[in-house]
Amino acid sequence: MNSTITFADAGLFAIAVTALEMDATPPYTVDEDTLTINAEDIDGVVDILHDNGIFNFICYRADGDTEHDQFRSDAEADADALASAGFGTDEDYGYYGGDDE
């Protein structure tokens, strides 16, 4: 049974297919109507996509697990960027209240 990778954006799907055509291992098939890539070795396909900077997709594994690509929402990414620049909340820096001396 094949696992699938599904894209919401047709442009990103086209870039992903081009990246796979340049490095055609492992074997895969493409369904352009549903913007999906099917493969037995889905981890190999995911690695190729990640190596080419493609992260915004959902991976449906044949064993029933759905793995999101670790792509966070814009709000989550902005919050992390602000926290790392020193504009985070106290909790971002490990302070949860307590003894103030």
N, C-alpha and C. Protein backbone atom coordinates (compact mmCIF):
# COMPACT_ATOMS: atom_id res chain seq x y z
N MET A 1 0.85 -1.18 0.00
CA MET A 1 0.00 0.00 0.00
C MET A 1 0.89 1.24 0.00
N ASN A 2 0.57 2.18 -0.85
CA ASN A 2 1.36 3.39 -0.97
C ASN A 2 0.96 4.42 0.08
N SER A 3 1.94 5.21 0.48
CA SER A 3 1.70 6.38 1.29
C SER A 3 1.61 7.57 0.34
N THR A 4 1.01 8.66 0.79
CA THR A 4 0.85 9.82 -0.09
C THR A 4 1.32 11.09 0.59
N ILE A 5 1.72 12.03 -0.24
CA ILE A 5 2.04 13.39 0.19
C ILE A 5 1.08 14.29 -0.57
N THR A 6 0.36 15.13 0.16
CA THR A 6 -0.64 16.00 -0.45
C THR A 6 -0.26 17.45 -0.28
N PHE A 7 -0.43 18.22 -1.34
CA PHE A 7 -0.13 19.64 -1.34
C PHE A 7 -1.42 20.44 -1.48
N ALA A 8 -1.47 21.61 -0.87
CA ALA A 8 -2.60 22.51 -1.01
C ALA A 8 -2.37 23.51 -2.13
N ASP A 9 -1.13 23.75 -2.48
CA ASP A 9 -0.76 24.76 -3.47
C ASP A 9 -0.25 24.09 -4.73
N ALA A 10 -0.88 24.37 -5.87
CA ALA A 10 -0.50 23.75 -7.14
C ALA A 10 0.92 24.14 -7.57
N GLY A 11 1.31 25.37 -7.29
CA GLY A 11 2.66 25.81 -7.65
C GLY A 11 3.73 25.05 -6.89
N LEU A 12 3.52 24.88 -5.59
CA LEU A 12 4.47 24.14 -4.77
C LEU A 12 4.50 22.67 -5.19
N PHE A 13 3.34 22.13 -5.54
CA PHE A 13 3.27 20.76 -6.04
C PHE A 13 4.13 20.60 -7.30
N ALA A 14 4.03 21.56 -8.21
CA ALA A 14 4.82 21.51 -9.45
C ALA A 14 6.31 21.56 -9.15
N ILE A 15 6.71 22.38 -8.19
CA ILE A 15 8.12 22.46 -7.81
C ILE A 15 8.58 21.13 -7.20
N ALA A 16 7.73 20.54 -6.37
CA ALA A 16 8.07 19.26 -5.75
C ALA A 16 8.25 18.17 -6.79
N VAL A 17 7.35 18.13 -7.77
CA VAL A 17 7.46 17.12 -8.82
C VAL A 17 8.74 17.33 -9.62
N THR A 18 9.07 18.57 -9.90
CA THR A 18 10.32 18.87 -10.62
C THR A 18 11.53 18.40 -9.81
N ALA A 19 11.52 18.65 -8.50
CA ALA A 19 12.62 18.21 -7.64
C ALA A 19 12.75 16.69 -7.67
N LEU A 20 11.62 15.99 -7.66
CA LEU A 20 11.67 14.53 -7.70
C LEU A 20 12.14 14.02 -9.06
N GLU A 21 11.77 14.72 -10.13
CA GLU A 21 12.23 14.31 -11.46
C GLU A 21 13.75 14.42 -11.58
N MET A 22 14.32 15.35 -10.87
CA MET A 22 15.77 15.53 -10.91
C MET A 22 16.48 14.46 -10.09
N ASP A 23 15.80 13.88 -9.12
CA ASP A 23 16.37 12.85 -8.26
C ASP A 23 15.32 11.74 -8.10
N ALA A 24 15.18 10.90 -9.12
CA ALA A 24 14.05 9.99 -9.23
C ALA A 24 14.17 8.73 -8.37
N THR A 25 14.82 8.81 -7.26
CA THR A 25 14.82 7.67 -6.35
C THR A 25 14.24 8.13 -5.04
N PRO A 26 13.42 7.44 -4.40
CA PRO A 26 12.80 6.17 -4.74
C PRO A 26 11.68 6.34 -5.77
N PRO A 27 11.16 5.22 -6.30
CA PRO A 27 10.08 5.30 -7.28
C PRO A 27 8.83 5.97 -6.69
N TYR A 28 8.11 6.71 -7.52
CA TYR A 28 6.91 7.40 -7.07
C TYR A 28 5.97 7.57 -8.25
N THR A 29 4.72 7.88 -7.95
CA THR A 29 3.75 8.24 -8.98
C THR A 29 3.11 9.56 -8.57
N VAL A 30 2.52 10.25 -9.56
CA VAL A 30 1.97 11.57 -9.32
C VAL A 30 0.50 11.58 -9.77
N ASP A 31 -0.36 12.19 -8.97
CA ASP A 31 -1.75 12.42 -9.36
C ASP A 31 -1.96 13.93 -9.39
N GLU A 32 -1.94 14.49 -10.58
CA GLU A 32 -2.03 15.95 -10.71
C GLU A 32 -3.41 16.48 -10.36
N ASP A 33 -4.44 15.66 -10.46
CA ASP A 33 -5.80 16.11 -10.13
C ASP A 33 -5.97 16.38 -8.64
N THR A 34 -5.32 15.57 -7.82
CA THR A 34 -5.46 15.73 -6.36
C THR A 34 -4.22 16.31 -5.70
N LEU A 35 -3.23 16.70 -6.51
CA LEU A 35 -1.96 17.26 -6.02
C LEU A 35 -1.29 16.32 -5.03
N THR A 36 -1.22 15.03 -5.38
CA THR A 36 -0.59 14.07 -4.49
C THR A 36 0.57 13.35 -5.18
N ILE A 37 1.51 12.94 -4.35
CA ILE A 37 2.63 12.11 -4.76
C ILE A 37 2.51 10.81 -3.98
N ASN A 38 2.57 9.67 -4.66
CA ASN A 38 2.41 8.36 -4.03
C ASN A 38 3.73 7.60 -4.10
N ALA A 39 4.08 6.91 -3.02
CA ALA A 39 5.33 6.14 -3.02
C ALA A 39 5.29 5.08 -1.92
N GLU A 40 5.98 3.98 -2.17
CA GLU A 40 6.16 2.96 -1.13
C GLU A 40 7.12 3.48 -0.07
N ASP A 41 8.23 4.06 -0.50
CA ASP A 41 9.25 4.60 0.40
C ASP A 41 9.00 6.10 0.59
N ILE A 42 8.00 6.43 1.37
CA ILE A 42 7.61 7.83 1.52
C ILE A 42 8.69 8.63 2.25
N ASP A 43 9.43 8.00 3.13
CA ASP A 43 10.49 8.71 3.84
C ASP A 43 11.57 9.21 2.89
N GLY A 44 11.89 8.40 1.87
CA GLY A 44 12.87 8.83 0.88
C GLY A 44 12.38 10.03 0.08
N VAL A 45 11.09 10.03 -0.26
CA VAL A 45 10.51 11.16 -0.99
C VAL A 45 10.52 12.41 -0.11
N VAL A 46 10.13 12.25 1.15
CA VAL A 46 10.12 13.39 2.08
C VAL A 46 11.53 13.96 2.23
N ASP A 47 12.53 13.10 2.32
CA ASP A 47 13.91 13.58 2.43
C ASP A 47 14.32 14.41 1.22
N ILE A 48 13.94 13.95 0.02
CA ILE A 48 14.27 14.70 -1.19
C ILE A 48 13.59 16.06 -1.17
N LEU A 49 12.31 16.09 -0.78
CA LEU A 49 11.59 17.36 -0.73
C LEU A 49 12.23 18.30 0.28
N HIS A 50 12.55 17.80 1.46
CA HIS A 50 13.19 18.64 2.48
C HIS A 50 14.55 19.14 2.01
N ASP A 51 15.32 18.29 1.34
CA ASP A 51 16.63 18.71 0.82
C ASP A 51 16.50 19.84 -0.19
N ASN A 52 15.33 19.94 -0.84
CA ASN A 52 15.09 20.99 -1.83
C ASN A 52 14.30 22.16 -1.26
N GLY A 53 14.17 22.21 0.07
CA GLY A 53 13.52 23.34 0.72
C GLY A 53 12.00 23.31 0.65
N ILE A 54 11.42 22.15 0.42
CA ILE A 54 9.97 22.02 0.33
C ILE A 54 9.46 21.38 1.61
N PHE A 55 8.67 22.14 2.38
CA PHE A 55 8.21 21.67 3.68
C PHE A 55 6.70 21.74 3.87
N ASN A 56 6.00 22.47 3.04
CA ASN A 56 4.58 22.73 3.28
C ASN A 56 3.71 21.68 2.59
N PHE A 57 3.57 20.51 3.24
CA PHE A 57 2.73 19.43 2.72
C PHE A 57 2.31 18.55 3.88
N ILE A 58 1.36 17.66 3.61
CA ILE A 58 0.92 16.69 4.62
C ILE A 58 1.23 15.30 4.09
N CYS A 59 1.80 14.48 4.93
CA CYS A 59 2.19 13.13 4.55
C CYS A 59 1.22 12.14 5.20
N TYR A 60 0.53 11.36 4.37
CA TYR A 60 -0.37 10.31 4.85
C TYR A 60 0.33 8.98 4.67
N ARG A 61 0.67 8.36 5.78
CA ARG A 61 1.41 7.10 5.73
C ARG A 61 0.45 5.92 5.58
N ALA A 62 0.90 4.87 4.90
CA ALA A 62 0.08 3.69 4.66
C ALA A 62 -0.35 3.01 5.95
N ASP A 63 0.43 3.19 7.02
CA ASP A 63 0.09 2.55 8.29
C ASP A 63 -0.98 3.32 9.07
N GLY A 64 -1.49 4.40 8.47
CA GLY A 64 -2.59 5.13 9.11
C GLY A 64 -2.16 6.40 9.82
N ASP A 65 -0.88 6.57 10.06
CA ASP A 65 -0.42 7.79 10.72
C ASP A 65 -0.42 8.95 9.74
N THR A 66 -0.81 10.12 10.21
CA THR A 66 -0.73 11.33 9.41
C THR A 66 0.37 12.18 10.01
N GLU A 67 1.37 12.46 9.23
CA GLU A 67 2.50 13.25 9.72
C GLU A 67 2.49 14.61 9.04
N HIS A 68 2.32 15.63 9.84
CA HIS A 68 2.44 16.95 9.28
C HIS A 68 3.93 17.25 9.14
N ASP A 69 4.24 18.15 8.31
CA ASP A 69 5.62 18.40 7.93
C ASP A 69 6.41 19.26 8.89
N GLN A 70 5.88 19.50 10.08
CA GLN A 70 6.52 20.38 11.06
C GLN A 70 6.48 21.83 10.63
N PHE A 71 5.73 22.15 9.60
CA PHE A 71 5.59 23.53 9.16
C PHE A 71 4.60 24.21 10.08
N ARG A 72 5.04 25.24 10.75
CA ARG A 72 4.19 25.91 11.72
C ARG A 72 3.44 27.05 11.07
N SER A 73 2.41 27.49 11.77
CA SER A 73 1.66 28.62 11.24
C SER A 73 2.52 29.88 11.30
N ASP A 74 2.12 30.89 10.56
CA ASP A 74 2.86 32.15 10.57
C ASP A 74 2.90 32.75 11.98
N ALA A 75 1.82 32.63 12.72
CA ALA A 75 1.77 33.18 14.07
C ALA A 75 2.78 32.49 14.99
N GLU A 76 2.88 31.16 14.89
CA GLU A 76 3.84 30.43 15.72
C GLU A 76 5.28 30.80 15.34
N ALA A 77 5.53 30.90 14.07
CA ALA A 77 6.88 31.26 13.62
C ALA A 77 7.23 32.68 14.06
N ASP A 78 6.28 33.60 13.96
CA ASP A 78 6.52 34.98 14.39
C ASP A 78 6.78 35.05 15.90
N ALA A 79 6.02 34.28 16.67
CA ALA A 79 6.21 34.28 18.12
C ALA A 79 7.61 33.77 18.48
N ASP A 80 8.06 32.72 17.82
CA ASP A 80 9.41 32.20 18.08
C ASP A 80 10.48 33.21 17.68
N ALA A 81 10.28 33.88 16.55
CA ALA A 81 11.25 34.88 16.10
C ALA A 81 11.33 36.03 17.09
N LEU A 82 10.19 36.49 17.57
CA LEU A 82 10.19 37.59 18.54
C LEU A 82 10.81 37.16 19.85
N ALA A 83 10.52 35.95 20.29
CA ALA A 83 11.10 35.47 21.54
C ALA A 83 12.61 35.37 21.43
N SER A 84 13.10 34.89 20.29
CA SER A 84 14.55 34.75 20.14
C SER A 84 15.23 36.11 20.00
N ALA A 85 14.47 37.14 19.67
CA ALA A 85 15.03 38.49 19.56
C ALA A 85 14.89 39.27 20.86
N GLY A 86 14.38 38.62 21.91
CA GLY A 86 14.26 39.28 23.21
C GLY A 86 12.92 39.93 23.47
N PHE A 87 11.94 39.67 22.64
CA PHE A 87 10.62 40.26 22.82
C PHE A 87 9.59 39.24 23.25
N GLY A 88 10.01 38.18 23.90
CA GLY A 88 9.09 37.13 24.32
C GLY A 88 8.48 37.42 25.67
N THR A 89 7.56 36.55 26.07
CA THR A 89 6.95 36.65 27.40
C THR A 89 7.89 36.03 28.42
N ASP A 90 7.60 36.23 29.68
CA ASP A 90 8.43 35.62 30.73
C ASP A 90 8.50 34.11 30.58
N GLU A 91 7.38 33.49 30.19
CA GLU A 91 7.35 32.04 30.03
C GLU A 91 8.30 31.57 28.93
N ASP A 92 8.50 32.41 27.92
CA ASP A 92 9.42 32.04 26.85
C ASP A 92 10.85 31.89 27.36
N TYR A 93 11.15 32.57 28.45
CA TYR A 93 12.50 32.54 29.01
C TYR A 93 12.59 31.68 30.26
N GLY A 94 11.55 30.89 30.53
CA GLY A 94 11.61 29.94 31.62
C GLY A 94 11.13 30.45 32.95
N TYR A 95 10.56 31.63 33.03
CA TYR A 95 10.06 32.14 34.30
C TYR A 95 8.56 31.96 34.33
N TYR A 96 8.09 31.23 35.34
CA TYR A 96 6.66 30.96 35.46
C TYR A 96 6.12 31.52 36.77
N GLY A 97 6.77 32.49 37.30
CA GLY A 97 6.33 33.06 38.58
C GLY A 97 7.00 32.33 39.73
N GLY A 98 6.87 32.85 40.89
CA GLY A 98 7.48 32.18 42.03
C GLY A 98 8.10 33.20 42.96
N ASP A 99 9.13 32.77 43.63
CA ASP A 99 9.78 33.61 44.64
C ASP A 99 10.48 34.78 43.97
N ASP A 100 10.06 35.99 44.32
CA ASP A 100 10.73 37.21 43.88
C ASP A 100 11.43 37.81 45.08
N GLU A 101 12.73 37.81 45.06
CA GLU A 101 13.46 38.36 46.19
C GLU A 101 14.25 39.57 45.79
